[in-house]
Protein backbone atom coordinates (compact mmCIF):
# COMPACT_ATOMS: atom_id res chain seq x y z
CA MET A 1 0.06 0.04 -0.05
CA LEU A 2 1.51 3.36 -1.24
CA ILE A 3 0.50 6.79 -0.51
CA VAL A 4 0.83 9.08 -3.45
CA GLU A 5 1.47 12.98 -2.78
CA GLY A 6 2.54 15.30 -5.54
CA GLY A 7 3.06 12.54 -8.02
CA GLU A 8 5.63 10.94 -5.50
CA ALA A 9 4.83 7.56 -4.19
CA ARG A 10 5.92 6.38 -0.80
CA ASP A 11 5.25 3.78 1.83
CA LEU A 12 2.03 4.40 3.94
CA ASP A 13 2.93 5.26 7.28
CA TYR A 14 0.32 4.51 10.01
CA GLU A 15 1.44 7.15 12.53
CA GLY A 16 2.01 10.06 10.04
CA ASP A 17 -0.58 9.43 7.39
CA ILE A 18 -3.64 7.58 9.37
CA LEU A 19 -3.31 8.18 13.27
CA SER A 20 -2.27 11.94 13.01
CA ALA A 21 -5.03 12.78 10.58
CA ILE A 22 -7.74 11.76 12.84
CA ASP A 23 -9.58 14.72 14.35
CA TRP A 24 -10.72 14.27 17.70
CA ARG A 25 -11.97 17.90 18.21
CA GLY A 26 -15.56 17.95 19.22
CA PHE A 27 -15.78 14.27 19.98
CA ASP A 28 -18.38 13.59 22.80
CA PRO A 29 -17.88 10.59 24.90
CA GLN A 30 -21.40 10.43 26.23
CA ALA A 31 -22.19 7.06 24.61
CA ILE A 32 -19.18 5.69 26.37
CA ILE A 33 -20.08 6.99 29.72
CA ASP A 34 -23.81 6.03 29.29
CA ALA A 35 -22.61 2.36 29.22
CA ILE A 36 -21.19 2.56 32.80
CA PRO A 37 -23.87 1.20 35.12
CA HIS A 38 -25.10 3.05 38.06
CA ASN A 39 -24.52 0.12 40.54
CA ALA A 40 -20.81 -0.38 39.40
CA GLY A 41 -18.75 -1.17 42.35
CA PRO A 42 -15.23 -0.19 43.04
CA ALA A 43 -12.29 -2.79 43.36
CA GLN A 44 -12.33 -4.25 46.76
CA THR A 45 -9.33 -3.27 48.62
CA GLN A 46 -8.10 -3.81 52.24
CA LEU A 47 -5.07 -3.44 54.39
CA GLN A 48 -2.87 -6.44 55.15
CA ARG A 49 -0.45 -6.93 58.21
CA ILE A 50 2.57 -9.04 57.31
CA ILE A 51 4.20 -10.92 60.10
CA LEU A 52 7.46 -12.92 60.55
CA THR A 53 6.67 -16.06 62.60
CA GLU A 54 8.61 -19.02 63.90
CA GLY A 55 7.62 -22.55 62.60
CA ASP A 56 6.84 -23.99 59.05
CA ASP A 57 5.23 -20.76 57.96
CA LEU A 58 7.77 -18.01 58.20
CA ILE A 59 5.53 -15.27 56.78
CA SER A 60 1.80 -14.76 57.53
CA ALA A 61 -0.66 -12.22 56.46
CA GLN A 62 -3.65 -10.88 58.37
CA ALA A 63 -6.41 -8.77 57.20
CA VAL A 64 -6.73 -5.58 59.28
CA THR A 65 -9.56 -3.68 57.73
CA ALA A 66 -11.03 -2.61 54.68
CA SER A 67 -9.39 0.34 52.97
CA THR A 68 -11.32 3.68 53.64
CA GLU A 69 -9.10 5.86 51.66
CA ASN A 70 -10.89 8.58 49.68
CA LEU A 71 -9.89 8.34 46.29
CA ARG A 72 -9.83 11.23 43.72
CA PHE A 73 -10.19 11.02 40.06
CA ASP A 74 -6.78 12.25 38.55
CA ALA A 75 -7.74 13.97 35.14
CA PRO A 76 -4.20 14.54 34.06
CA TYR A 77 -3.54 10.89 34.63
CA ALA A 78 -6.59 9.85 32.79
CA VAL A 79 -5.24 12.19 29.85
CA ARG A 80 -1.94 10.34 30.00
CA MET A 81 -3.78 7.06 29.92
CA ILE A 82 -5.39 7.81 26.57
CA SER A 83 -2.58 9.71 24.83
CA ASP A 84 -1.66 6.90 22.53
CA ILE A 85 -5.13 7.29 21.14
CA VAL A 86 -5.89 10.94 21.35
CA GLN A 87 -2.43 12.41 20.88
CA ASN A 88 -3.16 15.91 21.36
CA PRO A 89 -3.21 16.46 25.19
CA PHE A 90 -5.42 19.61 25.16
CA VAL A 91 -8.17 17.68 22.95
CA GLY A 92 -7.71 14.70 25.35
CA ARG A 93 -8.24 16.85 28.42
CA ASP A 94 -11.55 18.20 26.82
CA ILE A 95 -12.65 14.56 26.31
CA VAL A 96 -11.92 13.62 29.81
CA GLY A 97 -13.75 16.94 31.01
CA LYS A 98 -16.69 16.02 28.93
CA ALA A 99 -16.77 12.43 30.37
CA LEU A 100 -16.89 13.93 34.11
CA THR A 101 -19.68 16.21 33.09
CA HIS A 102 -21.71 13.46 31.78
CA LEU A 103 -20.95 11.37 34.88
CA LYS A 104 -21.98 14.06 37.30
CA ALA A 105 -25.05 14.68 35.13
CA ARG A 106 -26.04 10.99 35.79
CA GLY A 107 -25.86 11.40 39.58
CA PHE A 108 -22.05 10.30 40.18
CA ASP A 109 -20.62 12.35 42.89
CA ALA A 110 -16.84 13.07 43.32
CA ALA A 111 -16.48 10.22 45.75
CA LYS A 112 -18.16 7.69 43.40
CA ILE A 113 -16.11 8.82 40.41
CA GLY A 114 -13.03 8.55 42.53
CA GLN A 115 -13.80 5.06 43.60
CA LEU A 116 -14.54 4.10 39.91
CA ALA A 117 -11.47 5.87 38.39
CA GLY A 118 -10.04 2.62 36.92
CA LEU A 119 -13.28 1.53 35.29
CA ILE A 120 -13.89 5.01 33.78
CA ILE A 121 -10.57 5.08 32.40
CA GLY A 122 -10.93 1.63 31.12
CA GLU A 123 -14.12 2.08 29.43
CA LEU A 124 -12.94 5.47 28.00
CA ARG A 125 -9.93 3.75 26.41
CA ARG A 126 -12.15 0.88 25.06
CA GLY A 127 -14.70 3.23 23.59
CA LEU A 128 -12.01 5.64 22.11
CA ASP A 129 -10.16 2.61 20.81
CA ALA A 130 -13.16 1.62 18.68
CA GLU A 131 -13.87 5.12 17.72
CA ARG A 132 -10.36 5.37 16.27
CA ASP A 133 -10.71 2.27 14.28
CA ARG A 134 -14.00 3.67 12.95
CA LEU A 135 -12.52 7.02 11.95
CA ALA A 136 -9.28 5.30 10.68
CA GLU A 137 -11.34 3.05 8.38
CA HIS A 138 -13.26 6.12 7.08
CA LEU A 139 -9.98 8.06 6.35
CA PHE A 140 -8.49 5.21 4.79
CA ARG A 141 -11.21 4.16 2.48
CA THR A 142 -11.74 7.93 1.54
CA ALA A 143 -8.00 8.21 0.49
CA VAL A 144 -8.25 4.88 -1.42
CA THR A 145 -11.32 6.33 -3.41
CA ALA A 146 -9.55 9.41 -4.19
CA GLY A 147 -6.43 7.57 -5.47
CA ARG A 148 -4.34 8.89 -2.62
CA ILE A 149 -3.76 5.57 -0.97
CA GLN A 150 -3.05 2.93 -3.81
CA PHE A 151 -2.60 -0.86 -4.27
CA ARG A 152 -0.87 -1.13 -7.50
CA LEU A 153 1.77 -2.77 -9.56
CA ARG A 154 3.94 -0.16 -10.93
CA LEU A 155 6.32 0.64 -13.68
CA ASP A 156 8.92 2.26 -11.46
CA SER A 157 10.73 1.06 -8.48
CA HIS A 158 8.23 1.00 -5.91
CA ASN A 159 7.04 -2.59 -5.95
CA TRP A 160 7.86 -4.97 -3.14
CA ARG A 161 10.81 -7.14 -3.97
CA MET A 162 10.97 -10.82 -3.35
CA PRO A 163 14.11 -11.58 -1.31
CA PHE A 164 16.74 -13.73 -3.07
CA THR A 165 17.27 -15.99 0.07
CA ILE A 166 15.39 -16.93 3.16
CA GLU A 167 16.83 -17.81 6.54
CA THR A 168 16.37 -20.94 8.68
CA THR A 169 17.70 -22.48 11.77
CA GLN A 170 17.08 -26.13 10.66
CA PRO A 171 19.93 -28.40 10.09
CA GLU A 172 20.56 -29.46 6.38
CA ASP A 173 19.47 -33.04 7.03
CA GLY A 174 16.21 -31.86 8.78
CA ARG A 175 12.90 -33.08 7.83
CA LYS A 176 11.51 -31.39 4.72
CA ILE A 177 8.00 -30.89 3.28
CA VAL A 178 7.45 -33.02 0.36
CA SER A 179 4.84 -32.75 -2.43
CA VAL A 180 1.74 -35.11 -2.92
CA THR A 181 3.92 -37.45 -4.84
CA GLY A 182 6.34 -37.91 -2.01
CA GLY A 183 9.11 -36.05 -3.90
CA PRO A 184 10.45 -32.47 -3.39
CA LEU A 185 8.28 -29.44 -3.95
CA GLU A 186 8.34 -28.38 -7.36
CA ARG A 187 6.70 -24.71 -7.78
CA SER A 188 7.95 -22.97 -4.51
CA LEU A 189 10.20 -20.05 -5.07
CA PHE A 190 12.51 -21.36 -2.39
CA ALA A 191 13.54 -24.89 -1.69
CA PRO A 192 13.90 -26.96 0.55
CA ILE A 193 11.06 -25.78 3.14
CA PHE A 194 11.79 -27.53 6.42
CA ASP A 195 8.94 -29.29 8.26
CA ALA A 196 9.81 -27.39 11.46
CA ASP A 197 9.57 -24.13 9.88
CA VAL A 198 5.85 -24.37 8.81
CA ASN A 199 2.89 -25.19 10.93
CA GLY A 200 0.54 -28.25 10.10
CA ASP A 201 -2.13 -26.25 8.63
CA GLU A 202 -0.03 -24.37 6.46
CA GLN A 203 1.80 -27.29 5.33
CA SER A 204 -1.39 -28.71 3.86
CA VAL A 205 -2.08 -25.63 1.99
CA ALA A 206 1.57 -25.40 0.59
CA VAL A 207 1.25 -29.13 -0.70
CA GLN A 208 -2.01 -28.23 -2.31
CA LEU A 209 -0.44 -25.15 -3.96
CA ASP A 210 2.65 -27.13 -5.20
CA GLY A 211 0.48 -29.83 -6.58
CA ASN A 212 -1.88 -27.79 -8.66
CA GLN A 213 -0.98 -27.40 -12.45
CA ALA A 214 -2.37 -23.97 -12.71
CA VAL A 215 0.11 -22.69 -10.07
CA THR A 216 3.27 -21.43 -11.61
CA TRP A 217 4.91 -20.38 -8.51
CA TRP A 218 4.07 -20.03 -4.83
CA HIS A 219 5.85 -18.33 -1.78
CA ARG A 220 5.33 -18.93 1.94
CA ASN A 221 5.64 -15.37 3.21
CA VAL A 222 7.57 -14.81 6.56
CA ALA A 223 5.86 -12.61 9.06
CA ARG A 224 7.38 -9.41 10.14
CA SER A 225 10.41 -9.67 7.72
CA GLN A 226 8.83 -9.98 4.39
CA TYR A 227 5.63 -8.81 2.45
CA GLY A 228 3.55 -6.78 4.88
CA ILE A 229 0.38 -4.90 4.13
CA GLN A 230 -0.36 -1.50 5.99
CA GLY A 231 -4.00 -0.95 6.85
CA TRP A 232 -5.97 1.46 8.94
CA ARG A 233 -4.53 -0.32 12.11
CA ARG A 234 -1.22 -0.06 13.56
CA HIS A 235 0.14 -3.38 12.85
CA ARG A 236 1.02 -4.69 9.31
CA ILE A 237 -0.75 -7.82 8.06
CA TYR A 238 1.65 -10.54 6.93
CA PRO A 239 -0.08 -12.93 4.61
CA ASP A 240 0.70 -16.41 4.74
CA PHE A 241 1.05 -17.24 1.05
CA ILE A 242 1.61 -15.38 -2.28
CA PHE A 243 1.10 -17.57 -5.43
CA ALA A 244 0.57 -16.98 -9.23
CA ILE A 245 -1.91 -18.85 -11.44
CA GLN A 246 -1.66 -19.12 -15.16
CA ARG A 247 -5.11 -18.60 -16.57
CA GLY A 248 -6.49 -20.39 -19.72
CA ASP A 249 -5.95 -17.19 -21.79
CA GLY A 250 -2.40 -16.80 -20.98
CA SER A 251 -2.70 -14.05 -18.31
CA THR A 252 -1.45 -14.43 -14.71
CA ARG A 253 -3.42 -13.77 -11.48
CA ILE A 254 -1.33 -13.09 -8.31
CA THR A 255 -3.20 -13.95 -5.15
CA VAL A 256 -2.23 -12.89 -1.73
CA LEU A 257 -3.62 -15.47 0.90
CA GLU A 258 -4.08 -15.11 4.60
CA THR A 259 -5.27 -18.35 6.51
CA LYS A 260 -6.77 -18.38 9.94
CA GLY A 261 -7.58 -21.12 12.17
CA GLU A 262 -11.37 -21.47 13.15
CA GLN A 263 -10.65 -20.51 16.75
CA LEU A 264 -9.37 -17.03 15.42
CA ASP A 265 -12.41 -15.98 13.74
CA ASN A 266 -12.62 -12.71 15.75
CA ARG A 267 -12.50 -9.01 15.23
CA ASP A 268 -8.98 -8.80 14.10
CA THR A 269 -9.65 -11.73 11.52
CA GLU A 270 -12.85 -9.57 10.41
CA TYR A 271 -10.55 -6.60 10.00
CA LYS A 272 -7.97 -8.54 7.86
CA ARG A 273 -10.73 -9.75 5.69
CA ARG A 274 -11.91 -6.27 4.99
CA ILE A 275 -8.52 -4.98 4.17
CA LEU A 276 -7.92 -7.81 1.82
CA GLU A 277 -11.18 -7.39 0.16
CA LEU A 278 -10.50 -3.54 -0.34
CA MET A 279 -7.37 -4.17 -1.84
CA SER A 280 -8.75 -6.74 -4.29
CA ASP A 281 -11.43 -4.22 -5.31
CA SER A 282 -8.99 -1.35 -5.61
CA PHE A 283 -6.09 -3.06 -7.50
CA ALA A 284 -4.72 -1.45 -10.68
CA TRP A 285 -1.67 -1.18 -12.87
CA ASN A 286 0.11 2.23 -12.35
CA THR A 287 1.58 3.08 -15.73
CA SER A 288 2.85 6.51 -14.83
CA VAL A 289 6.86 6.96 -14.46
CA PRO A 290 8.30 9.99 -13.11
CA ALA A 291 10.24 12.21 -15.40
CA GLY A 292 13.68 11.07 -15.81
CA GLU A 293 13.02 7.49 -14.81
CA LEU A 294 13.04 4.41 -16.98
CA ALA A 295 10.24 1.86 -16.87
CA LEU A 296 11.69 -1.25 -15.30
CA ILE A 297 9.05 -3.42 -16.32
CA ALA A 298 6.12 -3.37 -18.93
CA GLU A 299 2.40 -3.89 -18.03
CA THR A 300 1.81 -7.49 -18.71
CA GLY A 301 -1.76 -7.87 -17.62
CA GLU A 302 -1.33 -9.47 -14.28
CA THR A 303 -4.26 -9.07 -12.01
CA VAL A 304 -3.79 -9.29 -7.97
CA THR A 305 -6.48 -10.66 -5.63
CA CYS A 306 -6.44 -10.78 -1.81
CA SER A 307 -8.41 -13.15 0.38
CA LEU A 308 -8.60 -14.61 3.82
CA ILE A 309 -9.82 -18.25 4.27
CA LEU A 310 -10.44 -20.03 7.54
CA MET A 311 -8.68 -23.39 7.74
CA GLY A 312 -12.15 -25.28 8.04
CA ASP A 313 -13.03 -23.64 4.63
CA ILE A 314 -9.77 -24.47 2.81
CA PRO A 315 -11.28 -27.51 0.94
CA ARG A 316 -14.25 -25.66 -0.27
CA ASP A 317 -12.73 -22.15 -0.88
CA LEU A 318 -9.17 -22.55 -1.90
CA PRO A 319 -9.88 -24.51 -5.27
CA ARG A 320 -11.72 -21.34 -6.61
CA HIS A 321 -8.53 -19.44 -6.09
CA LEU A 322 -6.53 -22.18 -7.97
CA ALA A 323 -9.01 -22.01 -10.95
CA GLY A 324 -7.24 -21.11 -14.04
């Protein structure tokens, strides 16, 4: 994913291009505060006396009394606790102030607010985090529609480059993944691939890719060191596989594939699914080359699709990605 400004393309930066562009001015946390129940109770605390004794138990603890300390809500501390989400401290202080105003309007007095400080800050963080996701996604999609954020194969030097080598800590005589015929893998860009470097579910996908005649090449991507996709959340997505299919008309389709276990079908998985669908829908060739630069490649008609498949759906869904 690249961002294009003034005709120049560069890598999309989450902090500078997404997070800093979110405008929190005027945000009202009333919906977050209204979700805090009136009968919420503070964390139970009590004083303990620690005693050194003789015998088998050298240390013993005795409860003295429940803590009666009067707690005060520390607004500057609350601002610091949300500063990774709302980066402007003045805007953060305004949001915390509005939260306190809504609490008081609901009948929470200063003592109650002080007792519930941990819960209030936790709920504020949770609500702001969800709102950040919503605002960031809107900014991201708007920039994609406007062409400012692009998912392209380019004629200049801004494509991701496949590494020439991959590293492994396995011994040379370590167990290797074999094809469906029991021989070495034939279509992987790197060989051999060691059994210990790939989990069992991914091994089954690798063997299916390697045994399909329409697949011209495939690559198991290495997380955090190879191909990563920057979306509207902080952390990059590192898809499990990249592979190419030769179509019947002679054209090529490149597929970026992320696989997930059934137990991981959660909010994070849904986010990845939406990013990959957006990438597929917005893919295009970029044929412009900055003045003074030579085109390094020519447009040859490749298309790129991106998908996420749950492991339980591999038998049903993977074949349609392998159809030539």
